[in-house]
Every structure is written in structure tokens, then in C-alpha cells.
Amino acid sequence: MAEPSWSKHVADVLRRNGIRMFATVPDYIVSHVLEHLWADAECRVVTVTREEEGVGLLSGVWLAGRRGALLMQNSGLGNCINALGSLNVASQIPIVLVISHRGDLGEFNPAQVPMGQATGHILDALGIRYIRPGSIAELETQGDGLIKLGYTRSLPVAIVLPSELTGGKQG
């Protein structure tokens, strides 16, 4: 059973690691995190039309000396694979990806399943380190270290939000 405060914890992990610029193609699950970010006057949230647009925007934010995160559904990961691989990985531009995970346990929409099954494989293929915290305790113990690693290595990292943590999207 998902704990209602999971989204505040995700927002807190991002903010305490100096991330203040966010791009998003919002979905039901990440919108819970976005509520906390929109309410914070120090944070800027930009809604983009496609996920690769967010990759470009946040890469520019990094080049300007700031940190950013892209919040999206795992289907959006499929939209921005080339941008992540040819820009962020190749040029060592860090970005934090916050990915709601559809297409796994309890999924009601068969169209979500292929990307749900491929998400980890795609991140692995690009060399993007990720965590998949099943609880707030796991998020808290792994989140800061993952983000620090991303900036130390100058590479993208991802927090994949499974339905065990978020409660998923009910059909």
C-alpha cells in the first residue's frame, strides 16, 4: 500500500540536492510530485510538449550553471532516448530523470506494458544509473546518493517510481 506522503519525499530529495528547475510532460503519477514543486516559490516548473524538449531545456540549464530534473512517464523515456544518448551521455551533461513506471504489476492498459518491461533495459543500455525504490525508506536512503553520483560522474541518473511506492494509476 502506497504511503500518501511519497510525492513530498520525492520533491524533498530533488530540492535538497539543489535542483530548482524542472521540465515535465505531466502524467497522473508525477503530477503528485509537481504539486509540491509548483507550490515552492524557489522552484520553476516548465511544461514541455515532448520529453526530448525537456532534455534540451535542462541541458541548457546545466550549461548555465544550474541543476534540473525531467519528470515524465516511462513512455516518455521512449520519446527522448536519442536526446539522452547523443546529448547527455555523449557530452556528459547530468540530468535527473523522475520516471513514473507504468506497464508493470497491476497495469490495466495493455499499451503500457511494452515500455514498462523495457524501461530498465533502456536505462541500462544508455549507462544511466537508476533506482527503483519500493518504499519511502528506500527512496530516502538511495535518492541522495544517486543524485550525487550523477553530478560526480556528469551523467544522467533516474529515479523510477514503481506502483509499489506510488500506488500507480488505477483503471
C-alpha atoms as a PDB file:
ATOM      1  CA  MET A   1       0.000   0.000   0.000  1.00  0.00           C
ATOM      2  CA  ALA A   2       1.407   3.367  -1.029  1.00  0.00           C
ATOM      3  CA  GLU A   3       2.018   5.927   1.681  1.00  0.00           C
ATOM      4  CA  PRO A   4       0.323   9.237   0.792  1.00  0.00           C
ATOM      5  CA  SER A   5       3.441  11.315   1.511  1.00  0.00           C
ATOM      6  CA  TRP A   6       5.610   9.578  -1.131  1.00  0.00           C
ATOM      7  CA  SER A   7       5.352  12.562  -3.500  1.00  0.00           C
ATOM      8  CA  LYS A   8       6.548  15.058  -0.892  1.00  0.00           C
ATOM      9  CA  HIS A   9       9.561  12.853  -0.230  1.00  0.00           C
ATOM     10  CA  VAL A  10      10.426  12.766  -3.953  1.00  0.00           C
ATOM     11  CA  ALA A  11      10.167  16.575  -4.143  1.00  0.00           C
ATOM     12  CA  ASP A  12      12.286  16.912  -0.990  1.00  0.00           C
ATOM     13  CA  VAL A  13      15.041  14.662  -2.361  1.00  0.00           C
ATOM     14  CA  LEU A  14      15.224  16.784  -5.504  1.00  0.00           C
ATOM     15  CA  ARG A  15      15.204  20.126  -3.683  1.00  0.00           C
ATOM     16  CA  ARG A  16      17.746  19.220  -1.032  1.00  0.00           C
ATOM     17  CA  ASN A  17      20.135  18.285  -3.851  1.00  0.00           C
ATOM     18  CA  GLY A  18      19.982  21.789  -5.290  1.00  0.00           C
ATOM     19  CA  ILE A  19      17.539  21.090  -8.094  1.00  0.00           C
ATOM     20  CA  ARG A  20      15.282  24.062  -8.723  1.00  0.00           C
ATOM     21  CA  MET A  21      14.476  23.805 -12.453  1.00  0.00           C
ATOM     22  CA  PHE A  22      12.033  21.190 -13.619  1.00  0.00           C
ATOM     23  CA  ALA A  23      10.674  20.233 -17.018  1.00  0.00           C
ATOM     24  CA  THR A  24       7.714  17.922 -17.360  1.00  0.00           C
ATOM     25  CA  VAL A  25       5.245  16.247 -19.605  1.00  0.00           C
ATOM     26  CA  PRO A  26       2.912  15.606 -16.689  1.00  0.00           C
ATOM     27  CA  ASP A  27       1.013  12.434 -16.074  1.00  0.00           C
ATOM     28  CA  TYR A  28      -1.253  11.380 -13.231  1.00  0.00           C
ATOM     29  CA  ILE A  29       1.534   9.965 -11.067  1.00  0.00           C
ATOM     30  CA  VAL A  30       4.226  12.672 -11.423  1.00  0.00           C
ATOM     31  CA  SER A  31       1.546  15.359 -11.005  1.00  0.00           C
ATOM     32  CA  HIS A  32       1.562  14.481  -7.295  1.00  0.00           C
ATOM     33  CA  VAL A  33       5.249  15.489  -7.113  1.00  0.00           C
ATOM     34  CA  LEU A  34       4.644  18.548  -9.285  1.00  0.00           C
ATOM     35  CA  GLU A  35       2.073  19.875  -6.791  1.00  0.00           C
ATOM     36  CA  HIS A  36       4.869  20.271  -4.219  1.00  0.00           C
ATOM     37  CA  LEU A  37       7.218  21.894  -6.741  1.00  0.00           C
ATOM     38  CA  TRP A  38       4.605  24.310  -8.087  1.00  0.00           C
ATOM     39  CA  ALA A  39       3.914  25.423  -4.508  1.00  0.00           C
ATOM     40  CA  ASP A  40       7.592  26.238  -3.886  1.00  0.00           C
ATOM     41  CA  ALA A  41       8.477  29.799  -4.936  1.00  0.00           C
ATOM     42  CA  GLU A  42      12.153  28.784  -5.373  1.00  0.00           C
ATOM     43  CA  CYS A  43      11.261  26.167  -7.997  1.00  0.00           C
ATOM     44  CA  ARG A  44      10.498  26.735 -11.657  1.00  0.00           C
ATOM     45  CA  VAL A  45       8.422  24.121 -13.465  1.00  0.00           C
ATOM     46  CA  VAL A  46       8.129  24.262 -17.253  1.00  0.00           C
ATOM     47  CA  THR A  47       5.601  22.091 -19.054  1.00  0.00           C
ATOM     48  CA  VAL A  48       7.066  20.970 -22.382  1.00  0.00           C
ATOM     49  CA  THR A  49       5.308  19.421 -25.348  1.00  0.00           C
ATOM     50  CA  ARG A  50       7.663  16.445 -25.694  1.00  0.00           C
ATOM     51  CA  GLU A  51      10.173  14.871 -23.352  1.00  0.00           C
ATOM     52  CA  GLU A  52      13.161  15.478 -25.615  1.00  0.00           C
ATOM     53  CA  GLU A  53      12.333  19.179 -25.456  1.00  0.00           C
ATOM     54  CA  GLY A  54      12.761  18.889 -21.691  1.00  0.00           C
ATOM     55  CA  VAL A  55      16.124  17.153 -22.183  1.00  0.00           C
ATOM     56  CA  GLY A  56      17.318  20.074 -24.318  1.00  0.00           C
ATOM     57  CA  LEU A  57      15.968  22.697 -21.930  1.00  0.00           C
ATOM     58  CA  LEU A  58      17.564  21.086 -18.875  1.00  0.00           C
ATOM     59  CA  SER A  59      20.858  20.536 -20.676  1.00  0.00           C
ATOM     60  CA  GLY A  60      20.939  24.288 -21.276  1.00  0.00           C
ATOM     61  CA  VAL A  61      20.108  24.866 -17.622  1.00  0.00           C
ATOM     62  CA  TRP A  62      23.171  22.760 -16.676  1.00  0.00           C
ATOM     63  CA  LEU A  63      25.389  24.694 -19.070  1.00  0.00           C
ATOM     64  CA  ALA A  64      24.149  27.891 -17.384  1.00  0.00           C
ATOM     65  CA  GLY A  65      25.286  26.538 -14.013  1.00  0.00           C
ATOM     66  CA  ARG A  66      22.046  25.180 -12.545  1.00  0.00           C
ATOM     67  CA  ARG A  67      20.612  21.735 -11.869  1.00  0.00           C
ATOM     68  CA  GLY A  68      17.439  20.327 -13.394  1.00  0.00           C
ATOM     69  CA  ALA A  69      15.151  17.331 -13.411  1.00  0.00           C
ATOM     70  CA  LEU A  70      12.748  15.945 -16.018  1.00  0.00           C
ATOM     71  CA  LEU A  71       9.527  14.436 -14.656  1.00  0.00           C
ATOM     72  CA  MET A  72       7.708  12.091 -17.016  1.00  0.00           C
ATOM     73  CA  GLN A  73       6.043   8.726 -17.521  1.00  0.00           C
ATOM     74  CA  ASN A  74       8.185   5.826 -18.731  1.00  0.00           C
ATOM     75  CA  SER A  75       6.540   6.048 -22.155  1.00  0.00           C
ATOM     76  CA  GLY A  76       8.225   9.467 -22.375  1.00  0.00           C
ATOM     77  CA  LEU A  77      11.578   7.794 -21.860  1.00  0.00           C
ATOM     78  CA  GLY A  78      10.991   6.167 -25.233  1.00  0.00           C
ATOM     79  CA  ASN A  79      10.489   9.614 -26.762  1.00  0.00           C
ATOM     80  CA  CYS A  80      13.794  11.005 -25.531  1.00  0.00           C
ATOM     81  CA  ILE A  81      16.215   8.074 -25.894  1.00  0.00           C
ATOM     82  CA  ASN A  82      18.178   9.688 -28.728  1.00  0.00           C
ATOM     83  CA  ALA A  83      18.450  13.063 -26.987  1.00  0.00           C
ATOM     84  CA  LEU A  84      19.689  11.435 -23.787  1.00  0.00           C
ATOM     85  CA  GLY A  85      22.193   9.221 -25.608  1.00  0.00           C
ATOM     86  CA  SER A  86      23.550  11.690 -28.141  1.00  0.00           C
ATOM     87  CA  LEU A  87      23.485  14.799 -25.931  1.00  0.00           C
ATOM     88  CA  ASN A  88      23.603  14.000 -22.233  1.00  0.00           C
ATOM     89  CA  VAL A  89      25.550  10.735 -22.215  1.00  0.00           C
ATOM     90  CA  ALA A  90      27.878  11.639 -25.085  1.00  0.00           C
ATOM     91  CA  SER A  91      28.587  15.158 -23.782  1.00  0.00           C
ATOM     92  CA  GLN A  92      28.466  14.248 -20.087  1.00  0.00           C
ATOM     93  CA  ILE A  93      25.632  16.583 -19.183  1.00  0.00           C
ATOM     94  CA  PRO A  94      23.917  15.456 -15.982  1.00  0.00           C
ATOM     95  CA  ILE A  95      20.162  15.480 -15.654  1.00  0.00           C
ATOM     96  CA  VAL A  96      17.910  13.787 -13.114  1.00  0.00           C
ATOM     97  CA  LEU A  97      15.041  11.820 -14.625  1.00  0.00           C
ATOM     98  CA  VAL A  98      12.000  11.143 -12.450  1.00  0.00           C
ATOM     99  CA  ILE A  99      10.023   8.455 -14.238  1.00  0.00           C
ATOM    100  CA  SER A 100       6.614   7.140 -13.244  1.00  0.00           C
ATOM    101  CA  HIS A 101       6.563   3.455 -14.079  1.00  0.00           C
ATOM    102  CA  ARG A 102       3.538   2.133 -15.912  1.00  0.00           C
ATOM    103  CA  GLY A 103       3.189  -1.279 -17.532  1.00  0.00           C
ATOM    104  CA  ASP A 104       4.216  -3.418 -14.574  1.00  0.00           C
ATOM    105  CA  LEU A 105       2.398  -5.097 -11.693  1.00  0.00           C
ATOM    106  CA  GLY A 106      -1.302  -4.247 -11.673  1.00  0.00           C
ATOM    107  CA  GLU A 107      -1.282  -2.487 -15.064  1.00  0.00           C
ATOM    108  CA  PHE A 108      -4.739  -2.276 -16.659  1.00  0.00           C
ATOM    109  CA  ASN A 109      -3.739  -0.798 -20.041  1.00  0.00           C
ATOM    110  CA  PRO A 110      -2.015  -3.304 -22.365  1.00  0.00           C
ATOM    111  CA  ALA A 111      -0.448  -0.455 -24.400  1.00  0.00           C
ATOM    112  CA  GLN A 112       1.653   0.482 -21.351  1.00  0.00           C
ATOM    113  CA  VAL A 113       3.212  -2.975 -20.893  1.00  0.00           C
ATOM    114  CA  PRO A 114       5.941  -2.972 -23.619  1.00  0.00           C
ATOM    115  CA  MET A 115       7.596   0.238 -22.369  1.00  0.00           C
ATOM    116  CA  GLY A 116       7.030  -0.870 -18.809  1.00  0.00           C
ATOM    117  CA  GLN A 117       9.030  -4.013 -19.483  1.00  0.00           C
ATOM    118  CA  ALA A 118      11.712  -2.144 -21.454  1.00  0.00           C
ATOM    119  CA  THR A 119      12.355   0.767 -19.073  1.00  0.00           C
ATOM    120  CA  GLY A 120      15.183  -0.809 -17.084  1.00  0.00           C
ATOM    121  CA  HIS A 121      16.777  -2.277 -20.204  1.00  0.00           C
ATOM    122  CA  ILE A 122      16.758   1.119 -21.942  1.00  0.00           C
ATOM    123  CA  LEU A 123      18.362   2.847 -18.967  1.00  0.00           C
ATOM    124  CA  ASP A 124      20.952   0.063 -18.721  1.00  0.00           C
ATOM    125  CA  ALA A 125      21.738   0.275 -22.445  1.00  0.00           C
ATOM    126  CA  LEU A 126      22.447   4.003 -22.130  1.00  0.00           C
ATOM    127  CA  GLY A 127      24.507   3.506 -18.975  1.00  0.00           C
ATOM    128  CA  ILE A 128      22.050   5.563 -16.934  1.00  0.00           C
ATOM    129  CA  ARG A 129      22.199   4.507 -13.288  1.00  0.00           C
ATOM    130  CA  TYR A 130      18.790   4.276 -11.671  1.00  0.00           C
ATOM    131  CA  ILE A 131      16.965   3.343  -8.520  1.00  0.00           C
ATOM    132  CA  ARG A 132      13.507   1.830  -8.213  1.00  0.00           C
ATOM    133  CA  PRO A 133      12.536   2.485  -4.600  1.00  0.00           C
ATOM    134  CA  GLY A 134       9.635   0.381  -3.367  1.00  0.00           C
ATOM    135  CA  SER A 135       9.203   2.427  -0.191  1.00  0.00           C
ATOM    136  CA  ILE A 136       9.820   5.899   1.194  1.00  0.00           C
ATOM    137  CA  ALA A 137      12.657   4.456   3.291  1.00  0.00           C
ATOM    138  CA  GLU A 138      14.378   3.149   0.127  1.00  0.00           C
ATOM    139  CA  LEU A 139      13.821   6.479  -1.636  1.00  0.00           C
ATOM    140  CA  GLU A 140      15.355   8.355   1.281  1.00  0.00           C
ATOM    141  CA  THR A 141      18.373   6.052   1.614  1.00  0.00           C
ATOM    142  CA  GLN A 142      19.122   5.836  -2.134  1.00  0.00           C
ATOM    143  CA  GLY A 143      17.926   9.129  -3.644  1.00  0.00           C
ATOM    144  CA  ASP A 144      20.606  11.495  -2.375  1.00  0.00           C
ATOM    145  CA  GLY A 145      23.420   9.086  -3.249  1.00  0.00           C
ATOM    146  CA  LEU A 146      22.075   8.554  -6.761  1.00  0.00           C
ATOM    147  CA  ILE A 147      21.837  12.285  -7.476  1.00  0.00           C
ATOM    148  CA  LYS A 148      25.291  12.934  -6.029  1.00  0.00           C
ATOM    149  CA  LEU A 149      26.679  10.136  -8.229  1.00  0.00           C
ATOM    150  CA  GLY A 150      25.052  11.660 -11.322  1.00  0.00           C
ATOM    151  CA  TYR A 151      26.706  15.012 -10.746  1.00  0.00           C
ATOM    152  CA  THR A 152      30.030  13.422  -9.762  1.00  0.00           C
ATOM    153  CA  ARG A 153      30.070  11.390 -12.999  1.00  0.00           C
ATOM    154  CA  SER A 154      28.462  14.180 -15.065  1.00  0.00           C
ATOM    155  CA  LEU A 155      25.871  11.745 -16.402  1.00  0.00           C
ATOM    156  CA  PRO A 156      22.108  11.335 -16.282  1.00  0.00           C
ATOM    157  CA  VAL A 157      20.532   9.321 -13.471  1.00  0.00           C
ATOM    158  CA  ALA A 158      16.948   8.191 -12.969  1.00  0.00           C
ATOM    159  CA  ILE A 159      14.517   7.655 -10.153  1.00  0.00           C
ATOM    160  CA  VAL A 160      11.952   5.160 -11.417  1.00  0.00           C
ATOM    161  CA  LEU A 161       8.735   5.383  -9.395  1.00  0.00           C
ATOM    162  CA  PRO A 162       7.089   1.951  -9.224  1.00  0.00           C
ATOM    163  CA  SER A 163       3.459   1.370  -8.329  1.00  0.00           C
ATOM    164  CA  GLU A 164       4.592  -0.187  -5.034  1.00  0.00           C
ATOM    165  CA  LEU A 165       5.727   3.305  -3.991  1.00  0.00           C
ATOM    166  CA  THR A 166       3.096   5.498  -5.669  1.00  0.00           C
ATOM    167  CA  GLY A 167       0.004   3.323  -5.711  1.00  0.00           C
ATOM    168  CA  GLY A 168       0.067   3.521  -9.511  1.00  0.00           C
ATOM    169  CA  LYS A 169      -2.752   4.636 -11.724  1.00  0.00           C
ATOM    170  CA  GLN A 170      -5.978   2.776 -11.176  1.00  0.00           C
ATOM    171  CA  GLY A 171      -8.059   1.760 -14.187  1.00  0.00           C
END
